[in-house]
Amino acid sequence: MSGPIQSADRALRILQVVADHRQPLSLLEVSQLVGLHASTTYRLLATLRDRGFVEQESAGGRYRVGIQAFRVGSAFLAAADLRDRLRPVLATLAAHSRETANLVILHETEAVYIDHIVGVNIAKLFTQIGQRVPLHCTAVGKVLLAYAPDPEGLLRRLRLRRFTPYTMTTATALRRALATVRAAGCAVDREEHELGVACVAGPVWDAAGRVVAAVGISGPSARVLPRLAQMQRHVRAAATAASRLMGASAAVARPGGAEALGEGGGQDGRQMTRRHPHG
């Protein structure tokens, strides 16, 4: 281990040592506990301090955990709470759809899978916990983008990369898709991120009226798309149930009434015209 990797490892060891002790630690104590020279420990502590991961009581004083470490831990706890609360909803969705049910949150400009339950029809696993996917070409991503606090600001930060012939790569097409998502209460990915894979997703609202996650299903397009209306009903029901568990009112949790049949497409937003094989 050398270079940046070694420095990162040492910094994380220091952060762990500081976090493991209830009382603030001196530079010498931290240095002895991690087994590093005092000058090296000081430089790493200074970086952690400047980034807010540790705090120093005063100039030359003792070190304790900083607010940034708390924020990282809080983010983990929030995701863990979501998983615990919504796992029964995922189980029901997987059972009814017979496809893999996913729970996904927004992180910066990507969607991150935090839980899934594999469906009985699974032949290949299309998602992994911890996997990050783009917002513009996935069902879960379009849901999180459509209901973000500032969708337009977030959209401007995205790189609309093409993954398949059906990926939307213009902001105009994506804006139309997001409007359809909001009207329908769910989003569809028709092979926009990966050929042969289709997904349906809906928003999870909390008590404050914010969308905190997306819940959905993924499976082979040959199996999902011929049953799209049925899959949308399952996903909408799951999104409503998940929202109620998160404290959303019945009015907020209720999905849109229109069927989300038109937000997929190629770079100009047209629906896919290729015939999909039936499963």
C-alpha atoms as a PDB file:
ATOM      1  CA  MET A   1       0.000   0.000   0.000  1.00  0.00           C
ATOM      2  CA  SER A   2       1.441   3.346  -1.007  1.00  0.00           C
ATOM      3  CA  GLY A   3       0.656   6.920  -2.007  1.00  0.00           C
ATOM      4  CA  PRO A   4      -2.943   8.189  -1.791  1.00  0.00           C
ATOM      5  CA  ILE A   5      -4.312   4.770  -0.780  1.00  0.00           C
ATOM      6  CA  GLN A   6      -1.954   4.572   2.194  1.00  0.00           C
ATOM      7  CA  SER A   7      -2.824   8.135   3.223  1.00  0.00           C
ATOM      8  CA  ALA A   8      -6.549   7.395   2.998  1.00  0.00           C
ATOM      9  CA  ASP A   9      -6.125   4.249   5.058  1.00  0.00           C
ATOM     10  CA  ARG A  10      -4.167   6.109   7.737  1.00  0.00           C
ATOM     11  CA  ALA A  11      -6.692   8.965   7.850  1.00  0.00           C
ATOM     12  CA  LEU A  12      -9.566   6.513   8.265  1.00  0.00           C
ATOM     13  CA  ARG A  13      -7.690   4.696  11.037  1.00  0.00           C
ATOM     14  CA  ILE A  14      -7.231   8.026  12.840  1.00  0.00           C
ATOM     15  CA  LEU A  15     -10.913   8.888  12.418  1.00  0.00           C
ATOM     16  CA  GLN A  16     -11.906   5.489  13.775  1.00  0.00           C
ATOM     17  CA  VAL A  17      -9.655   5.857  16.816  1.00  0.00           C
ATOM     18  CA  VAL A  18     -11.025   9.330  17.596  1.00  0.00           C
ATOM     19  CA  ALA A  19     -14.593   8.077  17.151  1.00  0.00           C
ATOM     20  CA  ASP A  20     -14.013   5.052  19.415  1.00  0.00           C
ATOM     21  CA  HIS A  21     -13.035   7.215  22.395  1.00  0.00           C
ATOM     22  CA  ARG A  22     -15.642   9.159  24.347  1.00  0.00           C
ATOM     23  CA  GLN A  23     -13.076  11.697  25.587  1.00  0.00           C
ATOM     24  CA  PRO A  24     -11.089  13.964  23.237  1.00  0.00           C
ATOM     25  CA  LEU A  25      -7.569  12.739  22.477  1.00  0.00           C
ATOM     26  CA  SER A  26      -4.290  14.579  22.309  1.00  0.00           C
ATOM     27  CA  LEU A  27      -2.006  14.430  19.286  1.00  0.00           C
ATOM     28  CA  LEU A  28       0.363  12.123  21.182  1.00  0.00           C
ATOM     29  CA  GLU A  29      -2.458   9.786  22.199  1.00  0.00           C
ATOM     30  CA  VAL A  30      -3.773   9.532  18.654  1.00  0.00           C
ATOM     31  CA  SER A  31      -0.269   8.974  17.335  1.00  0.00           C
ATOM     32  CA  GLN A  32       0.379   6.141  19.805  1.00  0.00           C
ATOM     33  CA  LEU A  33      -3.001   4.499  19.204  1.00  0.00           C
ATOM     34  CA  VAL A  34      -2.594   4.357  15.427  1.00  0.00           C
ATOM     35  CA  GLY A  35       1.131   3.610  15.512  1.00  0.00           C
ATOM     36  CA  LEU A  36       2.213   6.560  13.368  1.00  0.00           C
ATOM     37  CA  HIS A  37       4.854   9.216  13.822  1.00  0.00           C
ATOM     38  CA  ALA A  38       3.519  12.367  15.479  1.00  0.00           C
ATOM     39  CA  SER A  39       4.311  14.562  12.444  1.00  0.00           C
ATOM     40  CA  THR A  40       2.398  12.227  10.107  1.00  0.00           C
ATOM     41  CA  THR A  41      -0.507  12.041  12.526  1.00  0.00           C
ATOM     42  CA  TYR A  42      -0.581  15.831  12.818  1.00  0.00           C
ATOM     43  CA  ARG A  43      -0.764  16.316   9.038  1.00  0.00           C
ATOM     44  CA  LEU A  44      -3.587  13.805   8.697  1.00  0.00           C
ATOM     45  CA  LEU A  45      -5.486  15.277  11.657  1.00  0.00           C
ATOM     46  CA  ALA A  46      -5.111  18.733  10.110  1.00  0.00           C
ATOM     47  CA  THR A  47      -6.703  17.465   6.876  1.00  0.00           C
ATOM     48  CA  LEU A  48      -9.536  15.776   8.765  1.00  0.00           C
ATOM     49  CA  ARG A  49     -10.041  18.955  10.791  1.00  0.00           C
ATOM     50  CA  ASP A  50     -10.127  21.159   7.690  1.00  0.00           C
ATOM     51  CA  ARG A  51     -12.749  18.846   6.155  1.00  0.00           C
ATOM     52  CA  GLY A  52     -14.834  18.855   9.331  1.00  0.00           C
ATOM     53  CA  PHE A  53     -14.384  15.191  10.214  1.00  0.00           C
ATOM     54  CA  VAL A  54     -12.581  16.010  13.484  1.00  0.00           C
ATOM     55  CA  GLU A  55     -12.662  19.109  15.671  1.00  0.00           C
ATOM     56  CA  GLN A  56      -9.871  20.565  17.776  1.00  0.00           C
ATOM     57  CA  GLU A  57     -10.790  22.054  21.133  1.00  0.00           C
ATOM     58  CA  SER A  58      -8.300  24.910  20.727  1.00  0.00           C
ATOM     59  CA  ALA A  59      -4.990  25.598  19.045  1.00  0.00           C
ATOM     60  CA  GLY A  60      -2.799  22.669  20.020  1.00  0.00           C
ATOM     61  CA  GLY A  61      -5.735  21.130  21.922  1.00  0.00           C
ATOM     62  CA  ARG A  62      -7.381  17.734  21.904  1.00  0.00           C
ATOM     63  CA  TYR A  63      -9.317  16.178  19.024  1.00  0.00           C
ATOM     64  CA  ARG A  64     -12.873  14.855  18.903  1.00  0.00           C
ATOM     65  CA  VAL A  65     -15.258  13.721  16.159  1.00  0.00           C
ATOM     66  CA  GLY A  66     -16.488  16.529  13.881  1.00  0.00           C
ATOM     67  CA  ILE A  67     -19.839  17.335  12.343  1.00  0.00           C
ATOM     68  CA  GLN A  68     -18.997  15.828   8.954  1.00  0.00           C
ATOM     69  CA  ALA A  69     -18.466  12.415  10.557  1.00  0.00           C
ATOM     70  CA  PHE A  70     -21.869  12.799  12.182  1.00  0.00           C
ATOM     71  CA  ARG A  71     -23.446  13.660   8.822  1.00  0.00           C
ATOM     72  CA  VAL A  72     -21.933  10.570   7.193  1.00  0.00           C
ATOM     73  CA  GLY A  73     -23.158   8.401  10.055  1.00  0.00           C
ATOM     74  CA  SER A  74     -26.590   9.996   9.915  1.00  0.00           C
ATOM     75  CA  ALA A  75     -26.824   9.250   6.199  1.00  0.00           C
ATOM     76  CA  PHE A  76     -26.105   5.592   6.911  1.00  0.00           C
ATOM     77  CA  LEU A  77     -28.688   5.492   9.699  1.00  0.00           C
ATOM     78  CA  ALA A  78     -31.278   7.108   7.436  1.00  0.00           C
ATOM     79  CA  ALA A  79     -30.657   4.513   4.724  1.00  0.00           C
ATOM     80  CA  ALA A  80     -30.739   1.704   7.291  1.00  0.00           C
ATOM     81  CA  ASP A  81     -34.028   3.031   8.671  1.00  0.00           C
ATOM     82  CA  LEU A  82     -35.496   3.099   5.169  1.00  0.00           C
ATOM     83  CA  ARG A  83     -34.403  -0.483   4.546  1.00  0.00           C
ATOM     84  CA  ASP A  84     -35.860  -1.707   7.828  1.00  0.00           C
ATOM     85  CA  ARG A  85     -39.167   0.100   7.390  1.00  0.00           C
ATOM     86  CA  LEU A  86     -39.720  -0.711   3.753  1.00  0.00           C
ATOM     87  CA  ARG A  87     -38.449  -4.285   3.488  1.00  0.00           C
ATOM     88  CA  PRO A  88     -41.971  -5.731   3.934  1.00  0.00           C
ATOM     89  CA  VAL A  89     -43.129  -3.559   1.022  1.00  0.00           C
ATOM     90  CA  LEU A  90     -40.277  -4.877  -1.134  1.00  0.00           C
ATOM     91  CA  ALA A  91     -41.174  -8.444  -0.188  1.00  0.00           C
ATOM     92  CA  THR A  92     -44.796  -7.901  -1.221  1.00  0.00           C
ATOM     93  CA  LEU A  93     -43.768  -6.229  -4.477  1.00  0.00           C
ATOM     94  CA  ALA A  94     -41.368  -9.053  -5.338  1.00  0.00           C
ATOM     95  CA  ALA A  95     -44.052 -11.643  -4.559  1.00  0.00           C
ATOM     96  CA  HIS A  96     -46.753  -9.934  -6.629  1.00  0.00           C
ATOM     97  CA  SER A  97     -44.583  -8.997  -9.602  1.00  0.00           C
ATOM     98  CA  ARG A  98     -42.410 -12.135  -9.440  1.00  0.00           C
ATOM     99  CA  GLU A  99     -39.514  -9.841 -10.406  1.00  0.00           C
ATOM    100  CA  THR A 100     -36.715  -8.298  -8.331  1.00  0.00           C
ATOM    101  CA  ALA A 101     -37.941  -5.431  -6.143  1.00  0.00           C
ATOM    102  CA  ASN A 102     -35.532  -2.532  -5.506  1.00  0.00           C
ATOM    103  CA  LEU A 103     -35.211   0.347  -3.049  1.00  0.00           C
ATOM    104  CA  VAL A 104     -33.095   3.268  -4.254  1.00  0.00           C
ATOM    105  CA  ILE A 105     -32.086   6.693  -2.920  1.00  0.00           C
ATOM    106  CA  LEU A 106     -30.616   9.806  -4.502  1.00  0.00           C
ATOM    107  CA  HIS A 107     -26.957  10.594  -3.872  1.00  0.00           C
ATOM    108  CA  GLU A 108     -25.673  13.737  -5.575  1.00  0.00           C
ATOM    109  CA  THR A 109     -26.226  13.062  -9.311  1.00  0.00           C
ATOM    110  CA  GLU A 110     -26.781   9.300  -9.136  1.00  0.00           C
ATOM    111  CA  ALA A 111     -29.282   6.770  -7.853  1.00  0.00           C
ATOM    112  CA  VAL A 112     -27.948   4.252  -5.315  1.00  0.00           C
ATOM    113  CA  TYR A 113     -29.503   0.833  -4.641  1.00  0.00           C
ATOM    114  CA  ILE A 114     -29.781   0.302  -0.875  1.00  0.00           C
ATOM    115  CA  ASP A 115     -31.896  -2.876  -0.820  1.00  0.00           C
ATOM    116  CA  HIS A 116     -33.514  -5.454  -3.064  1.00  0.00           C
ATOM    117  CA  ILE A 117     -35.447  -8.696  -2.836  1.00  0.00           C
ATOM    118  CA  VAL A 118     -34.995 -11.176  -5.634  1.00  0.00           C
ATOM    119  CA  GLY A 119     -38.140 -12.335  -7.420  1.00  0.00           C
ATOM    120  CA  VAL A 120     -39.022 -15.959  -8.104  1.00  0.00           C
ATOM    121  CA  ASN A 121     -38.602 -15.469 -11.856  1.00  0.00           C
ATOM    122  CA  ILE A 122     -35.008 -14.353 -11.527  1.00  0.00           C
ATOM    123  CA  ALA A 123     -32.532 -15.891 -13.946  1.00  0.00           C
ATOM    124  CA  LYS A 124     -29.995 -13.060 -13.794  1.00  0.00           C
ATOM    125  CA  LEU A 125     -29.540 -10.421 -11.109  1.00  0.00           C
ATOM    126  CA  PHE A 126     -29.747  -6.979 -12.745  1.00  0.00           C
ATOM    127  CA  THR A 127     -29.020  -4.860  -9.651  1.00  0.00           C
ATOM    128  CA  GLN A 128     -26.609  -4.953  -6.717  1.00  0.00           C
ATOM    129  CA  ILE A 129     -26.872  -3.267  -3.320  1.00  0.00           C
ATOM    130  CA  GLY A 130     -24.561  -0.255  -3.393  1.00  0.00           C
ATOM    131  CA  GLN A 131     -24.724  -0.022  -7.175  1.00  0.00           C
ATOM    132  CA  ARG A 132     -24.885   3.522  -8.587  1.00  0.00           C
ATOM    133  CA  VAL A 133     -26.808   4.212 -11.778  1.00  0.00           C
ATOM    134  CA  PRO A 134     -27.534   7.345 -13.835  1.00  0.00           C
ATOM    135  CA  LEU A 135     -30.697   9.359 -13.285  1.00  0.00           C
ATOM    136  CA  HIS A 136     -31.635  10.081 -16.899  1.00  0.00           C
ATOM    137  CA  CYS A 137     -31.980   6.525 -18.215  1.00  0.00           C
ATOM    138  CA  THR A 138     -33.257   4.402 -15.325  1.00  0.00           C
ATOM    139  CA  ALA A 139     -36.779   4.200 -13.922  1.00  0.00           C
ATOM    140  CA  VAL A 140     -35.626   4.789 -10.343  1.00  0.00           C
ATOM    141  CA  GLY A 141     -33.383   7.624 -11.496  1.00  0.00           C
ATOM    142  CA  LYS A 142     -36.151   9.385 -13.415  1.00  0.00           C
ATOM    143  CA  VAL A 143     -38.418   9.181 -10.363  1.00  0.00           C
ATOM    144  CA  LEU A 144     -35.751  10.687  -8.090  1.00  0.00           C
ATOM    145  CA  LEU A 145     -34.974  13.397 -10.641  1.00  0.00           C
ATOM    146  CA  ALA A 146     -38.641  14.213 -11.313  1.00  0.00           C
ATOM    147  CA  TYR A 147     -39.372  14.749  -7.622  1.00  0.00           C
ATOM    148  CA  ALA A 148     -36.054  16.304  -6.581  1.00  0.00           C
ATOM    149  CA  PRO A 149     -36.276  19.653  -4.726  1.00  0.00           C
ATOM    150  CA  ASP A 150     -34.682  21.374  -7.748  1.00  0.00           C
ATOM    151  CA  PRO A 151     -35.135  19.084 -10.779  1.00  0.00           C
ATOM    152  CA  GLU A 152     -33.953  21.675 -13.273  1.00  0.00           C
ATOM    153  CA  GLY A 153     -30.798  22.457 -11.308  1.00  0.00           C
ATOM    154  CA  LEU A 154     -30.047  18.757 -10.944  1.00  0.00           C
ATOM    155  CA  LEU A 155     -30.750  18.115 -14.618  1.00  0.00           C
ATOM    156  CA  ARG A 156     -28.193  20.750 -15.608  1.00  0.00           C
ATOM    157  CA  ARG A 157     -25.536  18.866 -13.642  1.00  0.00           C
ATOM    158  CA  LEU A 158     -26.146  15.578 -15.448  1.00  0.00           C
ATOM    159  CA  ARG A 159     -24.088  14.141 -18.257  1.00  0.00           C
ATOM    160  CA  LEU A 160     -26.705  12.627 -20.566  1.00  0.00           C
ATOM    161  CA  ARG A 161     -24.550   9.750 -21.723  1.00  0.00           C
ATOM    162  CA  ARG A 162     -25.926   7.256 -24.237  1.00  0.00           C
ATOM    163  CA  PHE A 163     -25.967   3.643 -23.011  1.00  0.00           C
ATOM    164  CA  THR A 164     -28.267   2.041 -25.621  1.00  0.00           C
ATOM    165  CA  PRO A 165     -30.073   3.183 -28.780  1.00  0.00           C
ATOM    166  CA  TYR A 166     -33.052   4.046 -26.537  1.00  0.00           C
ATOM    167  CA  THR A 167     -31.276   6.367 -24.088  1.00  0.00           C
ATOM    168  CA  MET A 168     -32.561   9.947 -23.945  1.00  0.00           C
ATOM    169  CA  THR A 169     -29.605  12.251 -24.520  1.00  0.00           C
ATOM    170  CA  THR A 170     -31.242  15.696 -24.750  1.00  0.00           C
ATOM    171  CA  ALA A 171     -32.533  17.843 -21.914  1.00  0.00           C
ATOM    172  CA  THR A 172     -35.722  18.562 -23.886  1.00  0.00           C
ATOM    173  CA  ALA A 173     -36.602  14.881 -24.186  1.00  0.00           C
ATOM    174  CA  LEU A 174     -35.783  14.306 -20.540  1.00  0.00           C
ATOM    175  CA  ARG A 175     -37.966  17.208 -19.404  1.00  0.00           C
ATOM    176  CA  ARG A 176     -40.897  15.694 -21.315  1.00  0.00           C
ATOM    177  CA  ALA A 177     -40.207  12.344 -19.691  1.00  0.00           C
ATOM    178  CA  LEU A 178     -40.126  13.862 -16.210  1.00  0.00           C
ATOM    179  CA  ALA A 179     -43.465  15.593 -16.808  1.00  0.00           C
ATOM    180  CA  THR A 180     -44.943  12.216 -17.747  1.00  0.00           C
ATOM    181  CA  VAL A 181     -43.463  10.635 -14.631  1.00  0.00           C
ATOM    182  CA  ARG A 182     -45.095  13.261 -12.411  1.00  0.00           C
ATOM    183  CA  ALA A 183     -48.455  12.892 -14.141  1.00  0.00           C
ATOM    184  CA  ALA A 184     -48.366   9.098 -14.035  1.00  0.00           C
ATOM    185  CA  GLY A 185     -46.889   8.583 -10.578  1.00  0.00           C
ATOM    186  CA  CYS A 186     -44.326   6.118 -11.924  1.00  0.00           C
ATOM    187  CA  ALA A 187     -41.500   5.813 -14.455  1.00  0.00           C
ATOM    188  CA  VAL A 188     -40.539   3.155 -16.976  1.00  0.00           C
ATOM    189  CA  ASP A 189     -37.115   2.222 -18.327  1.00  0.00           C
ATOM    190  CA  ARG A 190     -37.500   0.469 -21.670  1.00  0.00           C
ATOM    191  CA  GLU A 191     -33.944  -0.773 -22.260  1.00  0.00           C
ATOM    192  CA  GLU A 192     -32.643   2.780 -21.860  1.00  0.00           C
ATOM    193  CA  HIS A 193     -29.781   1.804 -19.558  1.00  0.00           C
ATOM    194  CA  GLU A 194     -29.184  -1.823 -20.494  1.00  0.00           C
ATOM    195  CA  LEU A 195     -30.407  -3.773 -23.515  1.00  0.00           C
ATOM    196  CA  GLY A 196     -32.743  -6.576 -22.539  1.00  0.00           C
ATOM    197  CA  VAL A 197     -33.649  -5.015 -19.180  1.00  0.00           C
ATOM    198  CA  ALA A 198     -36.827  -3.103 -18.301  1.00  0.00           C
ATOM    199  CA  CYS A 199     -37.746  -1.422 -15.023  1.00  0.00           C
ATOM    200  CA  VAL A 200     -40.713   0.329 -13.428  1.00  0.00           C
ATOM    201  CA  ALA A 201     -40.426   2.620 -10.366  1.00  0.00           C
ATOM    202  CA  GLY A 202     -42.486   4.951  -8.203  1.00  0.00           C
ATOM    203  CA  PRO A 203     -41.794   7.623  -5.557  1.00  0.00           C
ATOM    204  CA  VAL A 204     -41.674   7.108  -1.783  1.00  0.00           C
ATOM    205  CA  TRP A 205     -42.910  10.229   0.059  1.00  0.00           C
ATOM    206  CA  ASP A 206     -42.300  11.092   3.697  1.00  0.00           C
ATOM    207  CA  ALA A 207     -44.350  13.030   6.253  1.00  0.00           C
ATOM    208  CA  ALA A 208     -42.796  16.331   5.131  1.00  0.00           C
ATOM    209  CA  GLY A 209     -43.948  15.846   1.546  1.00  0.00           C
ATOM    210  CA  ARG A 210     -40.503  14.974   0.213  1.00  0.00           C
ATOM    211  CA  VAL A 211     -39.603  12.034  -2.015  1.00  0.00           C
ATOM    212  CA  VAL A 212     -36.965  10.159  -0.027  1.00  0.00           C
ATOM    213  CA  ALA A 213     -36.577   7.065  -2.198  1.00  0.00           C
ATOM    214  CA  ALA A 214     -37.828   5.192  -5.219  1.00  0.00           C
ATOM    215  CA  VAL A 215     -39.253   1.687  -5.155  1.00  0.00           C
ATOM    216  CA  GLY A 216     -39.478  -0.448  -8.263  1.00  0.00           C
ATOM    217  CA  ILE A 217     -38.963  -3.685 -10.126  1.00  0.00           C
ATOM    218  CA  SER A 218     -36.425  -4.811 -12.701  1.00  0.00           C
ATOM    219  CA  GLY A 219     -36.378  -7.788 -15.011  1.00  0.00           C
ATOM    220  CA  PRO A 220     -35.961  -8.952 -18.598  1.00  0.00           C
ATOM    221  CA  SER A 221     -37.761  -6.636 -20.990  1.00  0.00           C
ATOM    222  CA  ALA A 222     -39.247  -9.663 -22.744  1.00  0.00           C
ATOM    223  CA  ARG A 223     -41.074 -10.478 -19.526  1.00  0.00           C
ATOM    224  CA  VAL A 224     -41.717  -7.040 -18.013  1.00  0.00           C
ATOM    225  CA  LEU A 225     -42.926  -5.023 -21.019  1.00  0.00           C
ATOM    226  CA  PRO A 226     -45.734  -7.357 -22.151  1.00  0.00           C
ATOM    227  CA  ARG A 227     -47.096  -7.056 -18.580  1.00  0.00           C
ATOM    228  CA  LEU A 228     -46.310  -3.359 -18.225  1.00  0.00           C
ATOM    229  CA  ALA A 229     -49.760  -2.193 -17.064  1.00  0.00           C
ATOM    230  CA  GLN A 230     -49.795  -4.929 -14.412  1.00  0.00           C
ATOM    231  CA  MET A 231     -46.248  -4.047 -13.305  1.00  0.00           C
ATOM    232  CA  GLN A 232     -47.203  -0.384 -13.021  1.00  0.00           C
ATOM    233  CA  ARG A 233     -50.145  -1.276 -10.778  1.00  0.00           C
ATOM    234  CA  HIS A 234     -47.897  -3.361  -8.519  1.00  0.00           C
ATOM    235  CA  VAL A 235     -45.289  -0.588  -8.329  1.00  0.00           C
ATOM    236  CA  ARG A 236     -47.845   2.138  -7.655  1.00  0.00           C
ATOM    237  CA  ALA A 237     -49.374   0.053  -4.867  1.00  0.00           C
ATOM    238  CA  ALA A 238     -45.907  -0.541  -3.381  1.00  0.00           C
ATOM    239  CA  ALA A 239     -44.996   3.154  -3.631  1.00  0.00           C
ATOM    240  CA  THR A 240     -48.234   4.120  -1.886  1.00  0.00           C
ATOM    241  CA  ALA A 241     -47.702   1.535   0.875  1.00  0.00           C
ATOM    242  CA  ALA A 242     -44.088   2.636   1.354  1.00  0.00           C
ATOM    243  CA  SER A 243     -45.106   6.301   1.508  1.00  0.00           C
ATOM    244  CA  ARG A 244     -47.727   5.598   4.162  1.00  0.00           C
ATOM    245  CA  LEU A 245     -45.094   3.734   6.215  1.00  0.00           C
ATOM    246  CA  MET A 246     -42.883   6.833   5.949  1.00  0.00           C
ATOM    247  CA  GLY A 247     -45.682   8.987   7.335  1.00  0.00           C
ATOM    248  CA  ALA A 248     -47.023  10.522   4.128  1.00  0.00           C
ATOM    249  CA  SER A 249     -50.675  11.516   4.064  1.00  0.00           C
ATOM    250  CA  ALA A 250     -53.084   9.552   1.905  1.00  0.00           C
ATOM    251  CA  ALA A 251     -53.394  12.483  -0.520  1.00  0.00           C
ATOM    252  CA  VAL A 252     -49.628  12.812  -0.978  1.00  0.00           C
ATOM    253  CA  ALA A 253     -49.032   9.077  -1.204  1.00  0.00           C
ATOM    254  CA  ARG A 254     -51.718   8.526  -3.862  1.00  0.00           C
ATOM    255  CA  PRO A 255     -50.055   8.011  -7.272  1.00  0.00           C
ATOM    256  CA  GLY A 256     -51.035   9.784 -10.474  1.00  0.00           C
ATOM    257  CA  GLY A 257     -53.898   8.295 -12.416  1.00  0.00           C
ATOM    258  CA  ALA A 258     -52.504   8.151 -15.955  1.00  0.00           C
ATOM    259  CA  GLU A 259     -50.646   5.125 -17.196  1.00  0.00           C
ATOM    260  CA  ALA A 260     -46.938   5.916 -17.703  1.00  0.00           C
ATOM    261  CA  LEU A 261     -46.706   4.641 -21.220  1.00  0.00           C
ATOM    262  CA  GLY A 262     -44.825   7.428 -22.955  1.00  0.00           C
ATOM    263  CA  GLU A 263     -41.741   8.608 -21.127  1.00  0.00           C
ATOM    264  CA  GLY A 264     -39.219   6.186 -22.592  1.00  0.00           C
ATOM    265  CA  GLY A 265     -37.502   6.868 -25.848  1.00  0.00           C
ATOM    266  CA  GLY A 266     -34.484   7.580 -27.917  1.00  0.00           C
ATOM    267  CA  GLN A 267     -32.575  10.838 -28.065  1.00  0.00           C
ATOM    268  CA  ASP A 268     -35.609  12.777 -29.355  1.00  0.00           C
ATOM    269  CA  GLY A 269     -38.013  11.306 -26.784  1.00  0.00           C
ATOM    270  CA  ARG A 270     -39.961   9.049 -29.189  1.00  0.00           C
ATOM    271  CA  GLN A 271     -41.293   5.783 -27.818  1.00  0.00           C
ATOM    272  CA  MET A 272     -39.406   2.666 -28.737  1.00  0.00           C
ATOM    273  CA  THR A 273     -40.811   1.115 -31.875  1.00  0.00           C
ATOM    274  CA  ARG A 274     -38.811  -2.108 -31.849  1.00  0.00           C
ATOM    275  CA  ARG A 275     -40.985  -5.124 -31.172  1.00  0.00           C
ATOM    276  CA  HIS A 276     -40.104  -6.817 -27.891  1.00  0.00           C
ATOM    277  CA  PRO A 277     -40.222 -10.604 -27.649  1.00  0.00           C
ATOM    278  CA  HIS A 278     -42.970 -11.921 -25.397  1.00  0.00           C
ATOM    279  CA  GLY A 279     -41.987 -13.873 -22.274  1.00  0.00           C
END
